[in-house]
């Protein structure tokens, strides 16, 4: 009788925990986007080398499918995500930020803003990202992330994004980046400037 009760309890527990863990793993029940399973942190930017490869576990594959990331193998592109500023505060469209950094050791790179649903912000500003084509001179660059466009300079629109995150993509990264990202990824800074009009 005890064995039957133990088996029945285990079956009921598995029937409850299994679907809940699967929903969480796919990002449908909290847990956020794929980056919450990231295995590395480079200056606040989280990445996972298994994205786009056969090594990705079922939960990571489900998250990628859920959030529509057409992930390439790391030799084609690597991805880093950040949802907090340099002080660890959640990024939000109520605030403005200075995004700055230098060049990347890759054929091409870009930084794109995604809203809380991992979609491009629902606005018609046509300013969803910043990329290598906007960089000249010594490679140092900066852009404003804000709901309103500045009078001049590079701009990434956060209007109607709510709580958002940023994705840094390095296309065709160098062998150095792939072997030692901590040393060779130039992690951009995200400095909060003001919130709600107050500095």
Foldseek 3Di string as FASTA:
>chain_A
DVVVVVVVVVVVVCVVVVVVVLCCLLVNRDVAALQSPFDDAALQWGWHQCWQHPPDDPSSVSRCVQLVPPTHHVQFKTKTKHQAANVRHGDFQQFKKKKWWFDAQAPWKKKFKAARSNHQAPDDPPAGIDIPVLADDRGIAIEMEHCDDDPDHHYHHCNNRGGMMMMMMGGNGDPCCVVDVNPGGIDIHIGIDGGNPGD
